[in-house]
């Protein structure tokens, strides 16, 4: 309350003296906590320079960008590039592939780390528990290129490990990567294997903070392990689950471009062509920057709508949300 005293006392002062009082109060706080303001300066500059300033470049989505005229001098064409994308023969195929792959990844990838965290939390042997955490966490450090190379080697026809096992069991050789119907499952399962352990860390940390008295009370009441998970563990991590679900919904259409592009081949394009790979091929490789900006802006607007809807639904269902 003492910090508010100078401003409160100046409530009856004229406008100019009041503004000077407010400025002096702000300056006093900055001098007092200058280390904290200095600490936040670099992250603030990062977001301003690399997140907010580039927003000015969004206008090229509404222009025919000319390298000679530049962004500001290029002619304005309105929604021409958006209409070209909406009228493209592959528009609905791109939307279908992107949405299906995103929802598939969310449906399998979101509960997997929760289940893993609950299982690790039930382990009582400290050494075994740490070993499981390390083994499941390690794949996160594998780069996308190396991961794709591993997938291609394991699933390669005639020389891959999986194909050798199938052949030994009497099954025919299968080109898994060349089958459009298998592409999404291969992508999702490899993604879950790589990121499940890393994503489980936040849930393990939340479970570590649960009041031990709740477990003792449930043990006295004769609750089974499953009942303890349902009535203690899950409610304890529910706020974090809702928060991460809302954030994941906001990234629903932002499927990892690198992995999809590296797994693509002429045989599986009908199932693997998504918005980000299409933007790269048509917008960037062919130097059609205005078109790629229009498609990217459309993608961002859909993601914004999805995160707003997910947050609204989470608030209605659980009473908590991202904002």
C-alpha atoms as a PDB file:
ATOM      1  CA  UNK A   1       0.000   0.000   0.000  1.00  0.00           C
ATOM      2  CA  UNK A   2       2.942   2.355   0.591  1.00  0.00           C
ATOM      3  CA  UNK A   3       3.799   2.266  -3.110  1.00  0.00           C
ATOM      4  CA  UNK A   4       0.343   3.625  -3.931  1.00  0.00           C
ATOM      5  CA  UNK A   5       0.503   6.494  -1.451  1.00  0.00           C
ATOM      6  CA  UNK A   6       2.060   9.173  -3.726  1.00  0.00           C
ATOM      7  CA  UNK A   7      -0.461   8.464  -6.488  1.00  0.00           C
ATOM      8  CA  UNK A   8      -3.411   8.333  -4.102  1.00  0.00           C
ATOM      9  CA  UNK A   9      -2.377  11.585  -2.463  1.00  0.00           C
ATOM     10  CA  UNK A  10      -2.108  13.219  -5.862  1.00  0.00           C
ATOM     11  CA  UNK A  11      -5.664  12.271  -6.818  1.00  0.00           C
ATOM     12  CA  UNK A  12      -6.914  15.805  -6.302  1.00  0.00           C
ATOM     13  CA  UNK A  13      -4.017  17.444  -8.177  1.00  0.00           C
ATOM     14  CA  UNK A  14      -4.277  18.961 -11.676  1.00  0.00           C
ATOM     15  CA  UNK A  15      -3.513  16.727 -14.676  1.00  0.00           C
ATOM     16  CA  UNK A  16       0.075  17.857 -15.356  1.00  0.00           C
ATOM     17  CA  UNK A  17       1.371  17.564 -11.749  1.00  0.00           C
ATOM     18  CA  UNK A  18      -0.413  14.188 -11.524  1.00  0.00           C
ATOM     19  CA  UNK A  19       1.381  12.949 -14.652  1.00  0.00           C
ATOM     20  CA  UNK A  20       4.728  14.105 -13.231  1.00  0.00           C
ATOM     21  CA  UNK A  21       3.968  12.256 -10.006  1.00  0.00           C
ATOM     22  CA  UNK A  22       3.145   9.065 -11.886  1.00  0.00           C
ATOM     23  CA  UNK A  23       6.316   9.351 -14.008  1.00  0.00           C
ATOM     24  CA  UNK A  24       8.474   9.870 -10.927  1.00  0.00           C
ATOM     25  CA  UNK A  25       6.866   6.855  -9.257  1.00  0.00           C
ATOM     26  CA  UNK A  26       7.572   4.689 -12.316  1.00  0.00           C
ATOM     27  CA  UNK A  27      11.161   5.978 -12.517  1.00  0.00           C
ATOM     28  CA  UNK A  28      11.663   5.207  -8.823  1.00  0.00           C
ATOM     29  CA  UNK A  29      10.471   1.623  -9.313  1.00  0.00           C
ATOM     30  CA  UNK A  30      12.747   1.174 -12.339  1.00  0.00           C
ATOM     31  CA  UNK A  31      15.771   2.452 -10.383  1.00  0.00           C
ATOM     32  CA  UNK A  32      14.912   0.190  -7.475  1.00  0.00           C
ATOM     33  CA  UNK A  33      14.469  -2.980  -9.589  1.00  0.00           C
ATOM     34  CA  UNK A  34      16.763  -2.212 -12.527  1.00  0.00           C
ATOM     35  CA  UNK A  35      18.314  -5.690 -12.443  1.00  0.00           C
ATOM     36  CA  UNK A  36      14.940  -7.296 -13.179  1.00  0.00           C
ATOM     37  CA  UNK A  37      14.212  -4.886 -16.036  1.00  0.00           C
ATOM     38  CA  UNK A  38      17.668  -5.528 -17.472  1.00  0.00           C
ATOM     39  CA  UNK A  39      17.048  -9.272 -17.254  1.00  0.00           C
ATOM     40  CA  UNK A  40      13.812  -9.008 -19.227  1.00  0.00           C
ATOM     41  CA  UNK A  41      15.245  -6.615 -21.822  1.00  0.00           C
ATOM     42  CA  UNK A  42      16.799  -9.249 -24.136  1.00  0.00           C
ATOM     43  CA  UNK A  43      13.686 -11.501 -24.311  1.00  0.00           C
ATOM     44  CA  UNK A  44      11.581  -8.398 -24.896  1.00  0.00           C
ATOM     45  CA  UNK A  45      13.835  -7.261 -27.757  1.00  0.00           C
ATOM     46  CA  UNK A  46      13.737 -10.762 -29.219  1.00  0.00           C
ATOM     47  CA  UNK A  47       9.945 -10.803 -29.366  1.00  0.00           C
ATOM     48  CA  UNK A  48       9.757  -7.274 -30.751  1.00  0.00           C
ATOM     49  CA  UNK A  49      12.365  -7.830 -33.491  1.00  0.00           C
ATOM     50  CA  UNK A  50      11.509 -11.384 -34.526  1.00  0.00           C
ATOM     51  CA  UNK A  51       7.806 -11.710 -33.687  1.00  0.00           C
ATOM     52  CA  UNK A  52       6.117  -8.319 -33.948  1.00  0.00           C
ATOM     53  CA  UNK A  53       8.143  -6.398 -36.534  1.00  0.00           C
ATOM     54  CA  UNK A  54       7.768  -9.200 -39.144  1.00  0.00           C
ATOM     55  CA  UNK A  55       3.984  -8.828 -38.860  1.00  0.00           C
ATOM     56  CA  UNK A  56       4.370  -5.849 -41.197  1.00  0.00           C
ATOM     57  CA  UNK A  57       5.385  -8.324 -43.895  1.00  0.00           C
ATOM     58  CA  UNK A  58       1.960  -9.989 -43.804  1.00  0.00           C
ATOM     59  CA  UNK A  59       0.786  -7.360 -46.260  1.00  0.00           C
ATOM     60  CA  UNK A  60       2.540  -9.206 -49.101  1.00  0.00           C
ATOM     61  CA  UNK A  61      -0.331 -11.728 -48.915  1.00  0.00           C
ATOM     62  CA  UNK A  62      -2.507  -8.968 -50.369  1.00  0.00           C
ATOM     63  CA  UNK A  63       0.041  -7.798 -52.964  1.00  0.00           C
ATOM     64  CA  UNK A  64       1.849  -9.085 -56.033  1.00  0.00           C
ATOM     65  CA  UNK A  65       5.316  -8.922 -54.536  1.00  0.00           C
ATOM     66  CA  UNK A  66       7.959  -7.489 -56.830  1.00  0.00           C
ATOM     67  CA  UNK A  67      11.624  -7.768 -55.851  1.00  0.00           C
ATOM     68  CA  UNK A  68      12.318  -4.514 -57.666  1.00  0.00           C
ATOM     69  CA  UNK A  69       9.481  -2.497 -56.091  1.00  0.00           C
ATOM     70  CA  UNK A  70       9.803  -4.083 -52.638  1.00  0.00           C
ATOM     71  CA  UNK A  71       7.047  -4.770 -50.140  1.00  0.00           C
ATOM     72  CA  UNK A  72       5.757  -1.201 -49.931  1.00  0.00           C
ATOM     73  CA  UNK A  73       5.922  -0.506 -53.658  1.00  0.00           C
ATOM     74  CA  UNK A  74       4.303  -3.738 -54.887  1.00  0.00           C
ATOM     75  CA  UNK A  75       0.779  -3.437 -56.357  1.00  0.00           C
ATOM     76  CA  UNK A  76      -2.175  -4.238 -54.117  1.00  0.00           C
ATOM     77  CA  UNK A  77      -4.316  -7.170 -55.367  1.00  0.00           C
ATOM     78  CA  UNK A  78      -6.634  -7.780 -52.410  1.00  0.00           C
ATOM     79  CA  UNK A  79      -7.743 -11.392 -51.920  1.00  0.00           C
ATOM     80  CA  UNK A  80      -6.412 -12.661 -55.259  1.00  0.00           C
ATOM     81  CA  UNK A  81      -3.986 -15.167 -53.710  1.00  0.00           C
ATOM     82  CA  UNK A  82      -6.534 -16.410 -51.194  1.00  0.00           C
ATOM     83  CA  UNK A  83      -9.019 -17.059 -54.004  1.00  0.00           C
ATOM     84  CA  UNK A  84      -6.320 -18.882 -55.982  1.00  0.00           C
ATOM     85  CA  UNK A  85      -5.678 -21.167 -53.010  1.00  0.00           C
ATOM     86  CA  UNK A  86      -9.370 -21.786 -52.307  1.00  0.00           C
ATOM     87  CA  UNK A  87     -10.020 -22.608 -55.970  1.00  0.00           C
ATOM     88  CA  UNK A  88      -6.996 -24.884 -56.315  1.00  0.00           C
ATOM     89  CA  UNK A  89      -7.960 -28.489 -57.279  1.00  0.00           C
ATOM     90  CA  UNK A  90      -6.005 -29.870 -54.310  1.00  0.00           C
ATOM     91  CA  UNK A  91      -7.419 -27.437 -51.731  1.00  0.00           C
ATOM     92  CA  UNK A  92      -9.744 -29.919 -50.029  1.00  0.00           C
ATOM     93  CA  UNK A  93      -7.141 -32.691 -50.225  1.00  0.00           C
ATOM     94  CA  UNK A  94      -4.650 -30.455 -48.401  1.00  0.00           C
ATOM     95  CA  UNK A  95      -7.215 -29.506 -45.753  1.00  0.00           C
ATOM     96  CA  UNK A  96      -8.267 -33.136 -45.282  1.00  0.00           C
ATOM     97  CA  UNK A  97      -4.703 -34.454 -44.997  1.00  0.00           C
ATOM     98  CA  UNK A  98      -3.633 -31.668 -42.640  1.00  0.00           C
ATOM     99  CA  UNK A  99      -6.651 -31.955 -40.356  1.00  0.00           C
ATOM    100  CA  UNK A 100      -6.652 -35.751 -40.272  1.00  0.00           C
ATOM    101  CA  UNK A 101      -2.927 -35.969 -39.554  1.00  0.00           C
ATOM    102  CA  UNK A 102      -3.224 -33.257 -36.878  1.00  0.00           C
ATOM    103  CA  UNK A 103      -6.216 -34.857 -35.150  1.00  0.00           C
ATOM    104  CA  UNK A 104      -4.611 -38.295 -35.368  1.00  0.00           C
ATOM    105  CA  UNK A 105      -1.439 -36.938 -33.773  1.00  0.00           C
ATOM    106  CA  UNK A 106      -3.448 -35.166 -31.054  1.00  0.00           C
ATOM    107  CA  UNK A 107      -5.655 -38.192 -30.323  1.00  0.00           C
ATOM    108  CA  UNK A 108      -2.683 -40.535 -29.870  1.00  0.00           C
ATOM    109  CA  UNK A 109       0.088 -38.148 -28.846  1.00  0.00           C
ATOM    110  CA  UNK A 110      -1.784 -36.172 -26.170  1.00  0.00           C
ATOM    111  CA  UNK A 111      -2.824 -39.011 -23.810  1.00  0.00           C
ATOM    112  CA  UNK A 112       0.389 -41.030 -24.325  1.00  0.00           C
ATOM    113  CA  UNK A 113       2.641 -38.864 -22.072  1.00  0.00           C
ATOM    114  CA  UNK A 114      -0.124 -38.683 -19.459  1.00  0.00           C
ATOM    115  CA  UNK A 115      -0.354 -42.475 -19.324  1.00  0.00           C
ATOM    116  CA  UNK A 116       3.448 -42.757 -19.226  1.00  0.00           C
ATOM    117  CA  UNK A 117       3.673 -40.222 -16.368  1.00  0.00           C
ATOM    118  CA  UNK A 118       1.017 -42.076 -14.368  1.00  0.00           C
ATOM    119  CA  UNK A 119       2.843 -45.376 -14.909  1.00  0.00           C
ATOM    120  CA  UNK A 120       6.217 -43.917 -13.883  1.00  0.00           C
ATOM    121  CA  UNK A 121       4.607 -42.347 -10.825  1.00  0.00           C
ATOM    122  CA  UNK A 122       3.477 -45.800  -9.705  1.00  0.00           C
ATOM    123  CA  UNK A 123       7.002 -47.250  -9.800  1.00  0.00           C
ATOM    124  CA  UNK A 124       8.547 -47.764  -6.383  1.00  0.00           C
ATOM    125  CA  UNK A 125      12.062 -48.908  -7.337  1.00  0.00           C
ATOM    126  CA  UNK A 126      14.078 -45.696  -7.627  1.00  0.00           C
ATOM    127  CA  UNK A 127      16.773 -47.072  -9.942  1.00  0.00           C
ATOM    128  CA  UNK A 128      14.257 -48.681 -12.298  1.00  0.00           C
ATOM    129  CA  UNK A 129      12.145 -45.511 -12.281  1.00  0.00           C
ATOM    130  CA  UNK A 130      15.079 -43.311 -13.287  1.00  0.00           C
ATOM    131  CA  UNK A 131      16.099 -45.814 -15.977  1.00  0.00           C
ATOM    132  CA  UNK A 132      12.616 -45.775 -17.511  1.00  0.00           C
ATOM    133  CA  UNK A 133      12.592 -41.975 -17.480  1.00  0.00           C
ATOM    134  CA  UNK A 134      15.992 -41.813 -19.170  1.00  0.00           C
ATOM    135  CA  UNK A 135      15.116 -44.409 -21.834  1.00  0.00           C
ATOM    136  CA  UNK A 136      11.814 -42.737 -22.747  1.00  0.00           C
ATOM    137  CA  UNK A 137      13.323 -39.237 -22.648  1.00  0.00           C
ATOM    138  CA  UNK A 138      16.397 -40.024 -24.800  1.00  0.00           C
ATOM    139  CA  UNK A 139      14.624 -40.198 -28.228  1.00  0.00           C
ATOM    140  CA  UNK A 140      13.726 -36.509 -27.916  1.00  0.00           C
ATOM    141  CA  UNK A 141      17.358 -35.610 -28.656  1.00  0.00           C
ATOM    142  CA  UNK A 142      17.353 -37.432 -31.991  1.00  0.00           C
ATOM    143  CA  UNK A 143      17.227 -34.895 -34.825  1.00  0.00           C
ATOM    144  CA  UNK A 144      14.419 -35.041 -37.379  1.00  0.00           C
ATOM    145  CA  UNK A 145      16.766 -36.035 -40.199  1.00  0.00           C
ATOM    146  CA  UNK A 146      18.251 -38.906 -38.182  1.00  0.00           C
ATOM    147  CA  UNK A 147      14.778 -39.999 -37.080  1.00  0.00           C
ATOM    148  CA  UNK A 148      13.528 -40.130 -40.672  1.00  0.00           C
ATOM    149  CA  UNK A 149      16.648 -42.041 -41.716  1.00  0.00           C
ATOM    150  CA  UNK A 150      15.964 -44.598 -38.976  1.00  0.00           C
ATOM    151  CA  UNK A 151      12.338 -44.962 -40.085  1.00  0.00           C
ATOM    152  CA  UNK A 152      13.344 -45.447 -43.710  1.00  0.00           C
ATOM    153  CA  UNK A 153      15.960 -48.059 -42.764  1.00  0.00           C
ATOM    154  CA  UNK A 154      13.654 -49.997 -40.452  1.00  0.00           C
ATOM    155  CA  UNK A 155      10.747 -50.020 -42.926  1.00  0.00           C
ATOM    156  CA  UNK A 156      12.669 -50.432 -46.169  1.00  0.00           C
ATOM    157  CA  UNK A 157      11.388 -53.339 -48.337  1.00  0.00           C
ATOM    158  CA  UNK A 158      13.639 -56.449 -48.473  1.00  0.00           C
ATOM    159  CA  UNK A 159      16.460 -54.913 -46.391  1.00  0.00           C
ATOM    160  CA  UNK A 160      14.580 -53.361 -43.446  1.00  0.00           C
ATOM    161  CA  UNK A 161      14.385 -55.001 -40.009  1.00  0.00           C
ATOM    162  CA  UNK A 162      10.575 -55.051 -40.012  1.00  0.00           C
ATOM    163  CA  UNK A 163      10.463 -56.631 -43.466  1.00  0.00           C
ATOM    164  CA  UNK A 164      12.970 -59.303 -42.420  1.00  0.00           C
ATOM    165  CA  UNK A 165      10.748 -60.190 -39.453  1.00  0.00           C
ATOM    166  CA  UNK A 166       7.656 -60.347 -41.674  1.00  0.00           C
ATOM    167  CA  UNK A 167       9.444 -62.524 -44.214  1.00  0.00           C
ATOM    168  CA  UNK A 168      10.656 -64.884 -41.474  1.00  0.00           C
ATOM    169  CA  UNK A 169       7.054 -65.253 -40.291  1.00  0.00           C
ATOM    170  CA  UNK A 170       5.893 -66.096 -43.806  1.00  0.00           C
ATOM    171  CA  UNK A 171       4.358 -62.738 -44.782  1.00  0.00           C
ATOM    172  CA  UNK A 172       4.935 -60.919 -48.062  1.00  0.00           C
ATOM    173  CA  UNK A 173       7.312 -57.981 -48.365  1.00  0.00           C
ATOM    174  CA  UNK A 174       5.605 -54.581 -48.000  1.00  0.00           C
ATOM    175  CA  UNK A 175       6.804 -51.117 -48.971  1.00  0.00           C
ATOM    176  CA  UNK A 176       5.455 -49.354 -45.867  1.00  0.00           C
ATOM    177  CA  UNK A 177       6.629 -45.861 -46.845  1.00  0.00           C
ATOM    178  CA  UNK A 178       5.158 -46.262 -50.321  1.00  0.00           C
ATOM    179  CA  UNK A 179       1.686 -47.150 -49.006  1.00  0.00           C
ATOM    180  CA  UNK A 180      -0.485 -44.006 -48.647  1.00  0.00           C
ATOM    181  CA  UNK A 181      -2.755 -45.746 -46.136  1.00  0.00           C
ATOM    182  CA  UNK A 182       0.197 -46.385 -43.786  1.00  0.00           C
ATOM    183  CA  UNK A 183       1.837 -42.960 -43.946  1.00  0.00           C
ATOM    184  CA  UNK A 184      -0.186 -41.274 -41.205  1.00  0.00           C
ATOM    185  CA  UNK A 185       0.198 -44.185 -38.778  1.00  0.00           C
ATOM    186  CA  UNK A 186       3.967 -44.322 -39.349  1.00  0.00           C
ATOM    187  CA  UNK A 187       4.228 -40.566 -38.799  1.00  0.00           C
ATOM    188  CA  UNK A 188       2.112 -40.532 -35.624  1.00  0.00           C
ATOM    189  CA  UNK A 189       3.606 -43.603 -33.926  1.00  0.00           C
ATOM    190  CA  UNK A 190       7.181 -42.482 -34.571  1.00  0.00           C
ATOM    191  CA  UNK A 191       6.247 -39.012 -33.290  1.00  0.00           C
ATOM    192  CA  UNK A 192       4.773 -40.473 -30.102  1.00  0.00           C
ATOM    193  CA  UNK A 193       7.860 -42.618 -29.529  1.00  0.00           C
ATOM    194  CA  UNK A 194      10.170 -39.624 -29.959  1.00  0.00           C
ATOM    195  CA  UNK A 195       8.311 -37.030 -27.874  1.00  0.00           C
ATOM    196  CA  UNK A 196       6.325 -39.049 -25.332  1.00  0.00           C
ATOM    197  CA  UNK A 197       9.066 -39.136 -22.690  1.00  0.00           C
ATOM    198  CA  UNK A 198       9.862 -35.436 -23.005  1.00  0.00           C
ATOM    199  CA  UNK A 199       6.194 -34.426 -22.836  1.00  0.00           C
ATOM    200  CA  UNK A 200       5.675 -36.581 -19.749  1.00  0.00           C
ATOM    201  CA  UNK A 201       8.162 -34.535 -17.693  1.00  0.00           C
ATOM    202  CA  UNK A 202       5.689 -31.764 -16.888  1.00  0.00           C
ATOM    203  CA  UNK A 203       3.085 -34.302 -15.728  1.00  0.00           C
ATOM    204  CA  UNK A 204       5.666 -36.158 -13.605  1.00  0.00           C
ATOM    205  CA  UNK A 205       6.613 -32.841 -11.992  1.00  0.00           C
ATOM    206  CA  UNK A 206       2.954 -32.091 -11.269  1.00  0.00           C
ATOM    207  CA  UNK A 207       2.411 -35.535  -9.751  1.00  0.00           C
ATOM    208  CA  UNK A 208       5.454 -35.041  -7.526  1.00  0.00           C
ATOM    209  CA  UNK A 209       3.717 -32.054  -5.970  1.00  0.00           C
ATOM    210  CA  UNK A 210       0.574 -33.945  -4.917  1.00  0.00           C
ATOM    211  CA  UNK A 211      -0.020 -33.877  -1.157  1.00  0.00           C
ATOM    212  CA  UNK A 212       1.186 -37.251   0.267  1.00  0.00           C
ATOM    213  CA  UNK A 213      -1.618 -37.129   2.830  1.00  0.00           C
ATOM    214  CA  UNK A 214      -4.104 -37.754   0.020  1.00  0.00           C
ATOM    215  CA  UNK A 215      -2.370 -41.037  -0.789  1.00  0.00           C
ATOM    216  CA  UNK A 216      -2.280 -42.006   2.873  1.00  0.00           C
ATOM    217  CA  UNK A 217      -5.988 -41.259   3.238  1.00  0.00           C
ATOM    218  CA  UNK A 218      -6.830 -43.294   0.137  1.00  0.00           C
ATOM    219  CA  UNK A 219      -4.739 -46.193   1.462  1.00  0.00           C
ATOM    220  CA  UNK A 220      -6.651 -46.125   4.767  1.00  0.00           C
ATOM    221  CA  UNK A 221      -9.917 -46.109   2.825  1.00  0.00           C
ATOM    222  CA  UNK A 222      -8.829 -49.213   0.948  1.00  0.00           C
ATOM    223  CA  UNK A 223      -8.609 -47.555  -2.474  1.00  0.00           C
ATOM    224  CA  UNK A 224      -6.961 -49.549  -5.237  1.00  0.00           C
ATOM    225  CA  UNK A 225      -4.196 -48.141  -7.447  1.00  0.00           C
ATOM    226  CA  UNK A 226      -6.672 -47.495 -10.234  1.00  0.00           C
ATOM    227  CA  UNK A 227      -9.020 -45.632  -7.885  1.00  0.00           C
ATOM    228  CA  UNK A 228      -6.099 -43.570  -6.589  1.00  0.00           C
ATOM    229  CA  UNK A 229      -5.149 -42.615 -10.155  1.00  0.00           C
ATOM    230  CA  UNK A 230      -8.738 -41.684 -11.035  1.00  0.00           C
ATOM    231  CA  UNK A 231      -9.583 -39.724  -7.887  1.00  0.00           C
ATOM    232  CA  UNK A 232      -6.196 -38.204  -6.910  1.00  0.00           C
ATOM    233  CA  UNK A 233      -3.663 -38.198  -9.742  1.00  0.00           C
ATOM    234  CA  UNK A 234      -5.875 -37.172 -12.652  1.00  0.00           C
ATOM    235  CA  UNK A 235      -7.631 -34.293 -10.792  1.00  0.00           C
ATOM    236  CA  UNK A 236      -4.203 -33.040  -9.663  1.00  0.00           C
ATOM    237  CA  UNK A 237      -2.860 -32.744 -13.204  1.00  0.00           C
ATOM    238  CA  UNK A 238      -6.154 -31.697 -14.810  1.00  0.00           C
ATOM    239  CA  UNK A 239      -5.270 -27.939 -14.985  1.00  0.00           C
ATOM    240  CA  UNK A 240      -2.013 -28.747 -16.786  1.00  0.00           C
ATOM    241  CA  UNK A 241      -3.807 -31.163 -19.109  1.00  0.00           C
ATOM    242  CA  UNK A 242      -6.337 -28.474 -20.046  1.00  0.00           C
ATOM    243  CA  UNK A 243      -3.607 -25.872 -20.591  1.00  0.00           C
ATOM    244  CA  UNK A 244      -1.553 -28.149 -22.849  1.00  0.00           C
ATOM    245  CA  UNK A 245      -4.653 -29.293 -24.732  1.00  0.00           C
ATOM    246  CA  UNK A 246      -5.580 -25.694 -25.529  1.00  0.00           C
ATOM    247  CA  UNK A 247      -2.016 -24.958 -26.673  1.00  0.00           C
ATOM    248  CA  UNK A 248      -1.973 -28.099 -28.829  1.00  0.00           C
ATOM    249  CA  UNK A 249      -5.269 -27.098 -30.406  1.00  0.00           C
ATOM    250  CA  UNK A 250      -3.718 -23.765 -31.341  1.00  0.00           C
ATOM    251  CA  UNK A 251      -1.005 -25.643 -33.253  1.00  0.00           C
ATOM    252  CA  UNK A 252      -3.389 -28.135 -34.842  1.00  0.00           C
ATOM    253  CA  UNK A 253      -2.592 -27.206 -38.450  1.00  0.00           C
ATOM    254  CA  UNK A 254       1.125 -26.663 -37.823  1.00  0.00           C
ATOM    255  CA  UNK A 255       2.244 -30.235 -38.447  1.00  0.00           C
ATOM    256  CA  UNK A 256       6.026 -30.579 -38.475  1.00  0.00           C
ATOM    257  CA  UNK A 257       7.052 -29.700 -42.029  1.00  0.00           C
ATOM    258  CA  UNK A 258      10.516 -31.282 -41.955  1.00  0.00           C
ATOM    259  CA  UNK A 259       9.440 -34.790 -41.024  1.00  0.00           C
ATOM    260  CA  UNK A 260       6.490 -34.904 -43.416  1.00  0.00           C
ATOM    261  CA  UNK A 261       8.584 -33.551 -46.273  1.00  0.00           C
ATOM    262  CA  UNK A 262      11.434 -36.009 -45.664  1.00  0.00           C
ATOM    263  CA  UNK A 263       9.028 -38.970 -45.502  1.00  0.00           C
ATOM    264  CA  UNK A 264       7.296 -37.963 -48.736  1.00  0.00           C
ATOM    265  CA  UNK A 265       7.774 -39.813 -52.004  1.00  0.00           C
ATOM    266  CA  UNK A 266       5.776 -39.976 -55.267  1.00  0.00           C
ATOM    267  CA  UNK A 267       3.877 -43.043 -54.008  1.00  0.00           C
ATOM    268  CA  UNK A 268       2.463 -41.551 -50.789  1.00  0.00           C
ATOM    269  CA  UNK A 269       1.894 -37.929 -51.870  1.00  0.00           C
ATOM    270  CA  UNK A 270      -1.886 -38.357 -51.883  1.00  0.00           C
ATOM    271  CA  UNK A 271      -1.760 -38.936 -48.106  1.00  0.00           C
ATOM    272  CA  UNK A 272       1.302 -36.892 -47.134  1.00  0.00           C
ATOM    273  CA  UNK A 273       0.764 -33.586 -48.945  1.00  0.00           C
ATOM    274  CA  UNK A 274      -0.232 -31.023 -46.305  1.00  0.00           C
ATOM    275  CA  UNK A 275      -0.491 -27.234 -46.233  1.00  0.00           C
ATOM    276  CA  UNK A 276       3.095 -26.596 -45.096  1.00  0.00           C
ATOM    277  CA  UNK A 277       4.675 -28.845 -47.751  1.00  0.00           C
ATOM    278  CA  UNK A 278       2.401 -27.335 -50.394  1.00  0.00           C
ATOM    279  CA  UNK A 279       3.459 -23.817 -49.386  1.00  0.00           C
ATOM    280  CA  UNK A 280       7.107 -24.819 -49.639  1.00  0.00           C
ATOM    281  CA  UNK A 281       6.771 -26.414 -53.073  1.00  0.00           C
ATOM    282  CA  UNK A 282       4.443 -23.910 -54.723  1.00  0.00           C
ATOM    283  CA  UNK A 283       5.178 -20.742 -52.785  1.00  0.00           C
ATOM    284  CA  UNK A 284       8.896 -20.864 -52.018  1.00  0.00           C
ATOM    285  CA  UNK A 285      10.490 -23.196 -54.580  1.00  0.00           C
ATOM    286  CA  UNK A 286       8.638 -21.365 -57.356  1.00  0.00           C
ATOM    287  CA  UNK A 287       9.351 -17.983 -55.679  1.00  0.00           C
ATOM    288  CA  UNK A 288       5.636 -17.146 -55.378  1.00  0.00           C
ATOM    289  CA  UNK A 289       6.076 -15.400 -52.027  1.00  0.00           C
ATOM    290  CA  UNK A 290       2.752 -13.568 -52.021  1.00  0.00           C
ATOM    291  CA  UNK A 291       0.872 -16.815 -52.531  1.00  0.00           C
ATOM    292  CA  UNK A 292       2.803 -18.597 -49.781  1.00  0.00           C
ATOM    293  CA  UNK A 293       2.181 -15.675 -47.415  1.00  0.00           C
ATOM    294  CA  UNK A 294      -1.564 -15.840 -48.152  1.00  0.00           C
ATOM    295  CA  UNK A 295      -1.687 -19.559 -47.423  1.00  0.00           C
ATOM    296  CA  UNK A 296       0.377 -19.091 -44.256  1.00  0.00           C
ATOM    297  CA  UNK A 297      -1.915 -16.295 -43.070  1.00  0.00           C
ATOM    298  CA  UNK A 298      -4.965 -18.475 -43.705  1.00  0.00           C
ATOM    299  CA  UNK A 299      -3.322 -21.264 -41.706  1.00  0.00           C
ATOM    300  CA  UNK A 300      -2.568 -18.888 -38.802  1.00  0.00           C
ATOM    301  CA  UNK A 301      -6.125 -17.543 -38.706  1.00  0.00           C
ATOM    302  CA  UNK A 302      -7.540 -21.063 -38.528  1.00  0.00           C
ATOM    303  CA  UNK A 303      -5.139 -21.879 -35.679  1.00  0.00           C
ATOM    304  CA  UNK A 304      -6.228 -18.723 -33.832  1.00  0.00           C
ATOM    305  CA  UNK A 305      -9.880 -19.710 -34.213  1.00  0.00           C
ATOM    306  CA  UNK A 306      -9.150 -23.230 -32.969  1.00  0.00           C
ATOM    307  CA  UNK A 307      -7.309 -22.036 -29.858  1.00  0.00           C
ATOM    308  CA  UNK A 308     -10.164 -19.635 -29.022  1.00  0.00           C
ATOM    309  CA  UNK A 309     -12.741 -22.410 -29.423  1.00  0.00           C
ATOM    310  CA  UNK A 310     -10.625 -24.859 -27.399  1.00  0.00           C
ATOM    311  CA  UNK A 311     -10.160 -22.331 -24.605  1.00  0.00           C
ATOM    312  CA  UNK A 312     -13.905 -21.561 -24.563  1.00  0.00           C
ATOM    313  CA  UNK A 313     -14.752 -25.267 -24.444  1.00  0.00           C
ATOM    314  CA  UNK A 314     -12.205 -25.925 -21.700  1.00  0.00           C
ATOM    315  CA  UNK A 315     -13.612 -23.105 -19.571  1.00  0.00           C
ATOM    316  CA  UNK A 316     -17.158 -24.376 -20.027  1.00  0.00           C
ATOM    317  CA  UNK A 317     -16.192 -27.986 -19.247  1.00  0.00           C
ATOM    318  CA  UNK A 318     -13.600 -27.631 -16.463  1.00  0.00           C
ATOM    319  CA  UNK A 319     -13.751 -23.992 -15.345  1.00  0.00           C
ATOM    320  CA  UNK A 320     -10.106 -23.380 -16.287  1.00  0.00           C
ATOM    321  CA  UNK A 321      -8.392 -22.367 -19.506  1.00  0.00           C
ATOM    322  CA  UNK A 322      -5.400 -20.612 -21.019  1.00  0.00           C
ATOM    323  CA  UNK A 323      -6.984 -17.133 -20.736  1.00  0.00           C
END
